[in-house]
Amino acid sequence: MTEIFSPSKTEVLEGTTCPGCGSRQVGAKFCTQCGASLLQDQSANEPQASSNETPSQREAPATIGPFPGAHRATGYVEDPHTIHGQELRAVRDAAAAIAVDAEPAEIDEAPAETVEIPPVRSRGEMPPLPSEPTTVPASQPFAPAASPAHLLSEPFSELSTATTADKPAVATKGIRGALSRIGIPMAPGTAEAAELKAEGERQRYEQTIRQATWTRAVSVLVANPKGGTGKTPCALLLGGVLAAVRGGSVAIMEVSDDPGALTFRAEGNPPRGIGELVRDVAEIRTAGQLAGYTAPQTSFASVIGTTGRRDRLTRENVRDVAAVVDEFYGIRVMDSGNQPSSSAFQGAIETADALVVPVMNAGDAVLEAVALLDVLRAAGGKAAALADNASIVRLTDGRPEHPQVVERVNRIIASANVRQVFDVPYDTHIAERGQLTLDSLEPATRQAFTAAAAGVVSCLQQSIR
């Protein structure tokens, strides 16, 4: 409750002696020593306005007990039997007896300004909508937000490169590398710069191979009617790169009408191969069953070659085996023979999605390859599409090469109208004509086969949706 005091009582409180302890108190209502009220003996000094108080109110003694602070608490209760209650009644009586002699101040009766008060809306009521749509000026710097459908229609192929910042290369080898390690950044030398460039290209090739997807299994046919052009090494190493980068799910199978050298050039000595798979193809139901006819490679590829005597493959054999392999592998690489007119080769053409033609720097090898492409184009349909999008892989086996012959080979390849050409440098591991291991290749050779594999994958991505 709020206390009410008159100005006259404030003046009386100055210079008061406490009736309880006798201490001198200035400007206080209660004694700071004992807590007694200092208003009990001031009725005689009050102004004339307080004359309406009764004698019992003016002469009410102050009770000082063992708890002097209790008087301070009781003073806040409006009770006529308390000291504070008597004081409040005296103030009210004095205020009622005061006559107001002052005249009220003149009020300016000028008309007040009219203020328009907006209508009051209840809570939850929405403001009224504008009668006409708001027009955004052409100079507005912020374009309207695109709809989700518009955003989803934008290509995302450039996002990875757009958010990647190229850092300047710093030398890590030789004297330049030593200076860089002690805090003096040095650019790489010529040799190291070439290595860094090759490493960047390899990463881009592998990214293309790894991130490629299709809605079904895909197949690559390696073919050239000329023998000794590197069909088997090319099939093994291309399939090995694909499997190594993608983490497996690549089968390399033999589709030559007669037994070939695929099993001999691959790792391992499997007990069963393509002949046994043709015999049992109708019984294959699981990936585990199919794995019993393969030779696992360190590249994570699976090779299905000839392990012994077998019958000549036919078109139906190739198609049946290809159908089973495609159920459990994402990519199928086929190593063909030297007879493009055979039934097995026709089955390989029918089940292929891309064509790879290996050649050597020899006139007969390139001429036979061009003749194959002409035959396929003449057949029309899918065969012609394979020839138009074919990839040529040119290998070197270490034999002497005449410059004029090489120049003629270059002209023939340029006139073949193929999609792309890849040059593979000489590699001792391939020239040994033994079992091929991907990790045993020279870095330049593996780089070349990685580039060829990326090119084939790009072709598959464009031809298969």
Protein backbone atom coordinates (compact mmCIF):
# COMPACT_ATOMS: atom_id res chain seq x y z
CA MET A 1 0.00 0.00 0.00
CA THR A 2 1.29 3.52 -0.87
CA GLU A 3 1.96 5.88 2.07
CA ILE A 4 0.61 9.44 1.93
CA PHE A 5 2.41 12.31 3.73
CA SER A 6 1.64 16.00 3.87
CA PRO A 7 4.38 18.57 3.29
CA SER A 8 3.90 20.00 6.76
CA LYS A 9 4.85 16.74 8.43
CA THR A 10 8.12 16.60 6.55
CA GLU A 11 9.09 19.95 7.98
CA VAL A 12 8.10 18.91 11.51
CA LEU A 13 10.23 15.77 11.35
CA GLU A 14 13.42 17.80 11.16
CA GLY A 15 15.25 17.93 14.52
CA THR A 16 13.15 15.42 16.55
CA THR A 17 14.15 13.62 19.77
CA CYS A 18 13.23 9.93 19.94
CA PRO A 19 10.81 9.37 22.86
CA GLY A 20 12.06 5.83 23.27
CA CYS A 21 15.86 6.06 23.44
CA GLY A 22 16.38 9.86 23.51
CA SER A 23 18.58 9.95 20.42
CA ARG A 24 18.43 12.93 18.09
CA GLN A 25 16.81 12.14 14.76
CA VAL A 26 16.74 14.49 11.76
CA GLY A 27 14.34 14.05 8.83
CA ALA A 28 13.15 10.57 9.84
CA LYS A 29 9.78 9.04 10.65
CA PHE A 30 11.16 6.22 12.76
CA CYS A 31 14.14 6.07 15.07
CA THR A 32 17.18 4.54 13.48
CA GLN A 33 18.31 3.17 16.88
CA CYS A 34 15.22 1.59 18.39
CA GLY A 35 12.64 1.82 15.58
CA ALA A 36 10.12 3.88 17.55
CA SER A 37 7.79 6.27 15.71
CA LEU A 38 8.78 9.95 15.87
CA LEU A 39 5.29 11.31 15.06
CA GLN A 40 3.57 10.82 18.44
CA ASP A 41 4.51 14.19 20.04
CA GLN A 42 4.18 16.42 16.97
CA SER A 43 0.48 17.08 17.05
CA ALA A 44 1.02 20.39 18.81
CA ASN A 45 3.36 21.68 16.14
CA GLU A 46 1.14 20.63 13.20
CA PRO A 47 -0.41 23.43 11.14
CA GLN A 48 -3.96 24.59 11.64
CA ALA A 49 -5.19 22.34 8.87
CA SER A 50 -4.86 19.29 11.20
CA SER A 51 -7.07 20.67 14.01
CA ASN A 52 -9.86 18.21 13.26
CA GLU A 53 -7.97 15.30 14.85
CA THR A 54 -9.50 13.90 18.02
CA PRO A 55 -7.65 14.05 21.36
CA SER A 56 -7.41 10.27 21.45
CA GLN A 57 -5.64 10.33 18.09
CA ARG A 58 -3.19 13.03 19.12
CA GLU A 59 -2.41 11.53 22.53
CA ALA A 60 -2.05 7.89 21.48
CA PRO A 61 1.12 6.67 23.16
CA ALA A 62 3.75 4.77 21.27
CA THR A 63 4.21 1.22 22.44
CA ILE A 64 7.78 0.11 22.58
CA GLY A 65 8.17 -3.57 23.17
CA PRO A 66 10.96 -6.05 22.95
CA PHE A 67 10.77 -5.87 19.11
CA PRO A 68 10.99 -2.20 18.17
CA GLY A 69 11.01 -3.07 14.46
CA ALA A 70 7.45 -4.35 14.75
CA HIS A 71 6.19 -0.75 14.88
CA ARG A 72 7.71 -0.21 11.43
CA ALA A 73 5.74 -3.12 10.05
CA THR A 74 2.45 -2.21 11.73
CA GLY A 75 2.64 1.30 10.35
CA TYR A 76 1.85 -0.02 6.87
CA VAL A 77 -1.61 -1.27 7.94
CA GLU A 78 -4.61 1.05 7.66
CA ASP A 79 -5.96 0.59 11.17
CA PRO A 80 -7.23 3.55 13.28
CA HIS A 81 -5.70 2.00 16.42
CA THR A 82 -2.16 2.21 14.99
CA ILE A 83 0.08 5.24 14.83
CA HIS A 84 0.41 5.11 11.09
CA GLY A 85 -3.37 4.80 10.70
CA GLN A 86 -3.85 7.91 12.83
CA GLU A 87 -1.40 9.78 10.62
CA LEU A 88 -3.21 8.81 7.42
CA ARG A 89 -6.56 9.94 8.86
CA ALA A 90 -5.07 13.29 9.88
CA VAL A 91 -3.67 13.82 6.40
CA ARG A 92 -7.01 13.03 4.76
CA ASP A 93 -8.86 15.42 7.15
CA ALA A 94 -6.38 18.23 6.49
CA ALA A 95 -6.65 17.77 2.74
CA ALA A 96 -10.45 18.01 2.95
CA ALA A 97 -10.30 21.29 4.94
CA ILE A 98 -7.98 23.05 2.50
CA ALA A 99 -9.88 25.64 0.48
CA VAL A 100 -8.94 26.02 -3.11
CA ASP A 101 -8.73 29.78 -3.78
CA ALA A 102 -6.83 29.70 -7.06
CA GLU A 103 -8.88 30.13 -10.18
CA PRO A 104 -8.52 27.52 -12.88
CA ALA A 105 -6.25 28.42 -15.75
CA GLU A 106 -7.84 29.49 -18.97
CA ILE A 107 -8.11 26.69 -21.49
CA ASP A 108 -7.42 27.35 -25.12
CA GLU A 109 -10.58 26.38 -26.92
CA ALA A 110 -8.97 26.18 -30.36
CA PRO A 111 -10.35 23.31 -32.41
CA ALA A 112 -8.28 20.17 -32.05
CA GLU A 113 -6.64 18.62 -35.06
CA THR A 114 -8.61 15.71 -36.47
CA VAL A 115 -6.69 12.42 -36.29
CA GLU A 116 -7.82 9.47 -38.36
CA ILE A 117 -7.73 6.30 -36.27
CA PRO A 118 -7.36 3.10 -38.26
CA PRO A 119 -9.99 0.44 -37.66
CA VAL A 120 -9.17 -2.05 -34.94
CA ARG A 121 -8.84 -5.66 -36.05
CA SER A 122 -9.40 -8.53 -33.74
CA ARG A 123 -6.52 -10.86 -32.96
CA GLY A 124 -5.91 -13.37 -35.75
CA GLU A 125 -7.71 -11.25 -38.38
CA MET A 126 -5.70 -10.91 -41.60
CA PRO A 127 -5.14 -7.45 -43.11
CA PRO A 128 -7.13 -6.71 -46.27
CA LEU A 129 -5.43 -7.61 -49.55
CA PRO A 130 -4.67 -4.86 -52.07
CA SER A 131 -7.22 -4.46 -54.81
CA GLU A 132 -4.53 -4.60 -57.53
CA PRO A 133 -1.40 -6.81 -57.75
CA THR A 134 1.87 -5.20 -56.76
CA THR A 135 4.15 -4.46 -59.71
CA VAL A 136 7.89 -4.90 -59.21
CA PRO A 137 9.82 -2.15 -61.01
CA ALA A 138 12.32 -3.19 -63.66
CA SER A 139 15.11 -1.43 -61.79
CA GLN A 140 14.70 -3.63 -58.73
CA PRO A 141 18.11 -5.28 -58.10
CA PHE A 142 16.66 -8.56 -56.80
CA ALA A 143 15.19 -11.01 -59.29
CA PRO A 144 12.13 -13.06 -58.32
CA ALA A 145 12.85 -16.45 -56.81
CA ALA A 146 12.91 -19.35 -59.26
CA SER A 147 10.36 -22.10 -58.91
CA PRO A 148 11.52 -25.58 -57.76
CA ALA A 149 10.72 -27.01 -61.20
CA HIS A 150 12.97 -24.39 -62.82
CA LEU A 151 15.80 -25.19 -60.42
CA LEU A 152 15.56 -28.92 -61.02
CA SER A 153 15.69 -28.39 -64.79
CA GLU A 154 19.11 -26.73 -64.57
CA PRO A 155 22.13 -28.94 -65.32
CA PHE A 156 24.31 -29.84 -62.34
CA SER A 157 27.33 -31.12 -64.29
CA GLU A 158 29.36 -27.95 -63.63
CA LEU A 159 28.71 -27.66 -59.89
CA SER A 160 31.73 -29.75 -58.89
CA THR A 161 34.15 -27.64 -60.90
CA ALA A 162 32.43 -24.38 -59.97
CA THR A 163 32.94 -24.97 -56.24
CA THR A 164 36.54 -26.17 -56.45
CA ALA A 165 39.34 -23.64 -56.15
CA ASP A 166 42.58 -24.50 -57.93
CA LYS A 167 45.57 -24.01 -55.69
CA PRO A 168 48.95 -23.11 -57.15
CA ALA A 169 51.23 -26.10 -57.39
CA VAL A 170 54.18 -26.17 -54.99
CA ALA A 171 57.34 -28.14 -55.58
CA THR A 172 57.85 -31.23 -53.42
CA LYS A 173 60.95 -32.74 -55.02
CA GLY A 174 64.58 -31.73 -55.37
CA ILE A 175 66.00 -28.41 -54.28
CA ARG A 176 62.73 -26.64 -55.05
CA GLY A 177 60.90 -29.03 -52.76
CA ALA A 178 63.45 -28.49 -49.97
CA LEU A 179 62.99 -24.73 -50.21
CA SER A 180 59.21 -25.14 -50.14
CA ARG A 181 59.42 -27.24 -46.98
CA ILE A 182 61.36 -24.53 -45.11
CA GLY A 183 58.79 -21.87 -45.94
CA ILE A 184 59.94 -20.58 -49.33
CA PRO A 185 57.25 -21.65 -51.83
CA MET A 186 58.73 -22.72 -55.15
CA ALA A 187 56.97 -23.71 -58.34
CA PRO A 188 57.55 -27.28 -59.53
CA GLY A 189 60.26 -27.97 -62.05
CA THR A 190 59.62 -29.19 -65.58
CA ALA A 191 59.63 -32.89 -64.71
CA GLU A 192 57.52 -32.50 -61.60
CA ALA A 193 55.08 -30.22 -63.41
CA ALA A 194 54.60 -32.94 -66.04
CA GLU A 195 53.92 -35.50 -63.29
CA LEU A 196 51.38 -33.23 -61.63
CA LYS A 197 49.64 -32.67 -64.96
CA ALA A 198 49.46 -36.42 -65.59
CA GLU A 199 48.11 -36.98 -62.08
CA GLY A 200 45.37 -34.41 -62.63
CA GLU A 201 44.40 -36.06 -65.91
CA ARG A 202 44.32 -39.49 -64.27
CA GLN A 203 42.00 -38.22 -61.57
CA ARG A 204 39.63 -36.80 -64.18
CA TYR A 205 39.66 -40.08 -66.14
CA GLU A 206 38.91 -42.09 -63.03
CA GLN A 207 36.14 -39.72 -62.04
CA THR A 208 34.49 -40.30 -65.42
CA ILE A 209 34.79 -44.07 -65.04
CA ARG A 210 33.66 -44.19 -61.42
CA GLN A 211 30.60 -41.96 -61.67
CA ALA A 212 29.13 -43.43 -64.87
CA THR A 213 25.76 -45.13 -64.42
CA TRP A 214 23.28 -46.87 -66.72
CA THR A 215 19.86 -48.40 -66.38
CA ARG A 216 21.12 -51.84 -67.44
CA ALA A 217 24.33 -53.81 -67.88
CA VAL A 218 26.59 -52.61 -70.70
CA SER A 219 29.10 -54.44 -72.88
CA VAL A 220 32.28 -53.64 -74.82
CA LEU A 221 33.51 -55.73 -77.76
CA VAL A 222 37.25 -55.83 -78.55
CA ALA A 223 37.65 -56.96 -82.16
CA ASN A 224 40.09 -57.04 -85.10
CA PRO A 225 40.20 -59.78 -87.75
CA LYS A 226 43.99 -59.58 -87.79
CA GLY A 227 45.67 -61.83 -85.24
CA GLY A 228 48.47 -60.58 -83.03
CA THR A 229 47.13 -57.03 -82.77
CA GLY A 230 46.68 -57.13 -79.00
CA LYS A 231 42.99 -57.97 -78.65
CA THR A 232 43.45 -60.14 -75.56
CA PRO A 233 45.82 -57.77 -73.70
CA CYS A 234 43.55 -54.86 -74.59
CA ALA A 235 40.45 -56.67 -73.27
CA LEU A 236 42.20 -57.71 -70.04
CA LEU A 237 43.68 -54.30 -69.31
CA LEU A 238 40.63 -52.25 -70.27
CA GLY A 239 38.43 -54.49 -68.14
CA GLY A 240 41.00 -54.39 -65.34
CA VAL A 241 41.04 -50.58 -65.27
CA LEU A 242 37.24 -50.44 -65.24
CA ALA A 243 37.07 -52.93 -62.38
CA ALA A 244 39.86 -51.30 -60.38
CA VAL A 245 38.29 -47.85 -60.58
CA ARG A 246 34.68 -48.95 -60.08
CA GLY A 247 35.45 -51.56 -57.43
CA GLY A 248 34.58 -54.68 -59.41
CA SER A 249 31.39 -55.77 -61.20
CA VAL A 250 33.30 -56.26 -64.49
CA ALA A 251 33.39 -59.59 -66.34
CA ILE A 252 35.85 -60.28 -69.18
CA MET A 253 34.63 -63.18 -71.27
CA GLU A 254 35.89 -65.00 -74.34
CA VAL A 255 33.57 -64.98 -77.37
CA SER A 256 35.90 -66.37 -80.04
CA ASP A 257 34.50 -69.32 -81.95
CA ASP A 258 37.66 -71.36 -81.25
CA PRO A 259 39.55 -71.43 -77.93
CA GLY A 260 41.60 -68.31 -77.38
CA ALA A 261 44.41 -67.18 -75.05
CA LEU A 262 42.32 -65.20 -72.56
CA THR A 263 42.79 -67.67 -69.70
CA PHE A 264 46.52 -67.96 -70.42
CA ARG A 265 47.09 -64.17 -70.29
CA ALA A 266 44.90 -63.70 -67.19
CA GLU A 267 45.85 -64.34 -63.58
CA GLY A 268 45.05 -67.64 -61.93
CA ASN A 269 44.24 -71.18 -63.11
CA PRO A 270 40.46 -71.61 -62.85
CA PRO A 271 39.03 -75.17 -63.06
CA ARG A 272 36.02 -74.09 -65.13
CA GLY A 273 35.53 -71.55 -67.90
CA ILE A 274 33.42 -70.56 -70.87
CA GLY A 275 32.93 -74.13 -72.15
CA GLU A 276 31.53 -75.35 -68.84
CA LEU A 277 29.43 -72.21 -68.47
CA VAL A 278 27.82 -72.79 -71.87
CA ARG A 279 26.96 -76.31 -70.73
CA ASP A 280 25.49 -75.21 -67.35
CA VAL A 281 24.12 -71.80 -68.30
CA ALA A 282 20.51 -72.84 -67.74
CA GLU A 283 21.27 -73.81 -64.11
CA ILE A 284 22.91 -70.55 -63.01
CA ARG A 285 20.67 -68.83 -60.47
CA THR A 286 23.03 -66.92 -58.14
CA ALA A 287 26.21 -64.87 -58.29
CA GLY A 288 27.95 -67.54 -56.26
CA GLN A 289 27.22 -70.16 -58.90
CA LEU A 290 28.52 -67.92 -61.67
CA ALA A 291 31.69 -67.14 -59.72
CA GLY A 292 32.65 -70.82 -59.97
CA TYR A 293 33.30 -70.35 -63.70
CA THR A 294 35.52 -67.24 -63.37
CA ALA A 295 39.14 -66.39 -62.59
CA PRO A 296 39.27 -63.48 -60.08
CA GLN A 297 41.92 -60.86 -60.85
CA THR A 298 43.84 -58.49 -58.57
CA SER A 299 42.09 -55.69 -60.44
CA PHE A 300 38.73 -57.05 -59.11
CA ALA A 301 37.70 -58.15 -62.61
CA SER A 302 36.40 -61.66 -63.29
CA VAL A 303 37.73 -63.56 -66.35
CA ILE A 304 35.72 -66.25 -68.12
CA GLY A 305 38.02 -67.96 -70.63
CA THR A 306 38.74 -71.39 -72.00
CA THR A 307 40.17 -73.93 -69.55
CA GLY A 308 40.29 -77.00 -71.78
CA ARG A 309 38.81 -78.53 -74.89
CA ARG A 310 35.42 -77.10 -75.80
CA ASP A 311 33.05 -76.96 -78.72
CA ARG A 312 32.99 -74.04 -81.09
CA LEU A 313 30.88 -71.19 -79.77
CA THR A 314 27.76 -70.23 -81.64
CA ARG A 315 25.60 -67.15 -81.75
CA GLU A 316 23.14 -68.70 -79.31
CA ASN A 317 25.92 -69.66 -76.89
CA VAL A 318 27.21 -66.09 -76.78
CA ARG A 319 23.75 -64.63 -76.31
CA ASP A 320 22.83 -67.08 -73.52
CA VAL A 321 26.05 -66.57 -71.58
CA ALA A 322 25.86 -62.80 -72.04
CA ALA A 323 22.33 -62.76 -70.61
CA VAL A 324 23.44 -64.63 -67.48
CA VAL A 325 26.57 -62.51 -66.99
CA ASP A 326 24.58 -59.30 -67.32
CA GLU A 327 22.40 -60.34 -64.39
CA PHE A 328 25.35 -60.25 -61.97
CA TYR A 329 27.87 -57.81 -63.54
CA GLY A 330 27.48 -54.20 -64.55
CA ILE A 331 30.04 -54.23 -67.38
CA ARG A 332 30.89 -57.07 -69.77
CA VAL A 333 34.07 -56.93 -71.89
CA MET A 334 34.29 -59.47 -74.76
CA ASP A 335 37.50 -60.77 -76.32
CA SER A 336 36.66 -61.87 -79.87
CA GLY A 337 38.40 -64.06 -82.44
CA ASN A 338 39.69 -63.55 -85.95
CA GLN A 339 36.59 -64.54 -87.91
CA PRO A 340 34.08 -61.69 -88.19
CA SER A 341 31.87 -63.90 -90.32
CA SER A 342 31.51 -66.58 -87.63
CA SER A 343 28.32 -67.22 -85.72
CA ALA A 344 29.94 -66.36 -82.39
CA PHE A 345 31.09 -62.97 -83.72
CA GLN A 346 27.56 -62.18 -84.86
CA GLY A 347 26.28 -62.96 -81.38
CA ALA A 348 28.94 -60.65 -79.93
CA ILE A 349 27.91 -57.82 -82.26
CA GLU A 350 24.28 -58.25 -81.25
CA THR A 351 25.08 -58.02 -77.52
CA ALA A 352 27.69 -55.22 -77.72
CA ASP A 353 27.19 -51.55 -76.87
CA ALA A 354 30.64 -50.21 -77.77
CA LEU A 355 33.45 -51.34 -80.08
CA VAL A 356 37.19 -51.14 -79.41
CA VAL A 357 39.59 -51.95 -82.26
CA PRO A 358 43.23 -52.56 -81.23
CA VAL A 359 45.94 -52.10 -83.90
CA MET A 360 49.70 -52.10 -84.20
CA ASN A 361 51.86 -49.75 -86.20
CA ALA A 362 51.73 -52.16 -89.11
CA GLY A 363 49.95 -51.76 -92.41
CA ASP A 364 48.20 -55.15 -92.43
CA ALA A 365 46.82 -54.70 -88.90
CA VAL A 366 45.34 -51.29 -89.72
CA LEU A 367 43.96 -52.39 -93.08
CA GLU A 368 42.17 -55.36 -91.51
CA ALA A 369 40.70 -53.06 -88.88
CA VAL A 370 39.40 -50.64 -91.51
CA ALA A 371 37.92 -53.55 -93.46
CA LEU A 372 36.02 -54.65 -90.34
CA LEU A 373 34.59 -51.17 -89.91
CA ASP A 374 33.48 -51.13 -93.56
CA VAL A 375 31.71 -54.48 -93.14
CA LEU A 376 29.88 -53.28 -90.06
CA ARG A 377 28.79 -50.04 -91.73
CA ALA A 378 27.53 -51.98 -94.70
CA ALA A 379 25.43 -54.19 -92.40
CA GLY A 380 23.61 -51.10 -91.15
CA GLY A 381 21.59 -50.79 -87.97
CA LYS A 382 23.35 -51.50 -84.69
CA ALA A 383 26.51 -52.76 -86.40
CA ALA A 384 26.92 -49.48 -88.27
CA ALA A 385 26.43 -47.49 -85.07
CA LEU A 386 29.17 -49.54 -83.41
CA ALA A 387 31.56 -48.76 -86.28
CA ASP A 388 30.80 -45.03 -86.27
CA ASN A 389 31.43 -44.75 -82.51
CA ALA A 390 34.38 -47.14 -82.39
CA SER A 391 37.58 -46.43 -80.44
CA ILE A 392 40.97 -47.38 -81.86
CA VAL A 393 43.74 -48.34 -79.40
CA ARG A 394 47.16 -48.31 -81.04
CA LEU A 395 49.78 -50.43 -79.25
CA THR A 396 53.50 -50.97 -79.76
CA ASP A 397 55.11 -54.38 -79.24
CA GLY A 398 58.72 -53.23 -79.45
CA ARG A 399 59.46 -54.39 -82.97
CA PRO A 400 61.21 -51.96 -85.34
CA GLU A 401 58.82 -49.50 -86.97
CA HIS A 402 59.63 -47.79 -90.23
CA PRO A 403 58.79 -44.09 -90.22
CA GLN A 404 57.07 -44.29 -93.58
CA VAL A 405 54.92 -47.18 -92.38
CA VAL A 406 53.97 -45.26 -89.24
CA GLU A 407 53.04 -42.24 -91.36
CA ARG A 408 50.86 -44.42 -93.57
CA VAL A 409 49.20 -45.94 -90.50
CA ASN A 410 48.41 -42.46 -89.25
CA ARG A 411 46.73 -41.55 -92.54
CA ILE A 412 44.67 -44.73 -92.60
CA ILE A 413 43.48 -44.23 -89.02
CA ALA A 414 42.60 -40.60 -89.73
CA SER A 415 40.42 -41.68 -92.65
CA ALA A 416 38.67 -44.44 -90.68
CA ASN A 417 36.10 -41.96 -89.29
CA VAL A 418 36.10 -43.40 -85.77
CA ARG A 419 35.13 -41.65 -82.57
CA GLN A 420 38.53 -41.53 -80.83
CA VAL A 421 42.09 -42.89 -81.01
CA PHE A 422 44.36 -43.73 -78.04
CA ASP A 423 48.10 -44.43 -78.24
CA VAL A 424 49.59 -46.91 -75.75
CA PRO A 425 53.37 -46.76 -75.30
CA TYR A 426 55.57 -49.80 -75.35
CA ASP A 427 55.47 -51.79 -72.12
CA THR A 428 57.76 -54.69 -71.29
CA HIS A 429 55.09 -56.40 -69.22
CA ILE A 430 52.76 -56.62 -72.23
CA ALA A 431 55.54 -57.62 -74.61
CA GLU A 432 56.50 -60.59 -72.42
CA ARG A 433 53.30 -62.34 -73.60
CA GLY A 434 52.69 -63.84 -70.15
CA GLN A 435 50.08 -63.32 -67.46
CA LEU A 436 49.06 -59.68 -67.22
CA THR A 437 48.71 -57.83 -63.91
CA LEU A 438 47.43 -54.29 -63.91
CA ASP A 439 49.78 -53.16 -61.17
CA SER A 440 52.80 -54.36 -63.17
CA LEU A 441 52.27 -51.86 -65.98
CA GLU A 442 54.41 -48.79 -66.39
CA PRO A 443 52.71 -45.58 -65.19
CA ALA A 444 52.49 -44.21 -68.73
CA THR A 445 50.91 -47.44 -69.98
CA ARG A 446 48.34 -47.50 -67.21
CA GLN A 447 47.59 -43.85 -67.84
CA ALA A 448 46.95 -44.60 -71.51
CA PHE A 449 44.59 -47.50 -70.74
CA THR A 450 42.81 -45.36 -68.13
CA ALA A 451 42.25 -42.66 -70.75
CA ALA A 452 40.95 -45.28 -73.20
CA ALA A 453 38.59 -46.71 -70.58
CA ALA A 454 37.26 -43.24 -69.79
CA GLY A 455 36.68 -42.62 -73.50
CA VAL A 456 34.75 -45.88 -73.86
CA VAL A 457 32.65 -45.05 -70.78
CA SER A 458 31.82 -41.63 -72.22
CA CYS A 459 30.69 -43.32 -75.42
CA LEU A 460 28.48 -45.68 -73.44
CA GLN A 461 26.93 -42.82 -71.51
CA GLN A 462 25.91 -41.09 -74.73
CA SER A 463 24.60 -44.19 -76.49
CA ILE A 464 22.72 -45.71 -73.52
CA ARG A 465 20.18 -43.73 -71.50
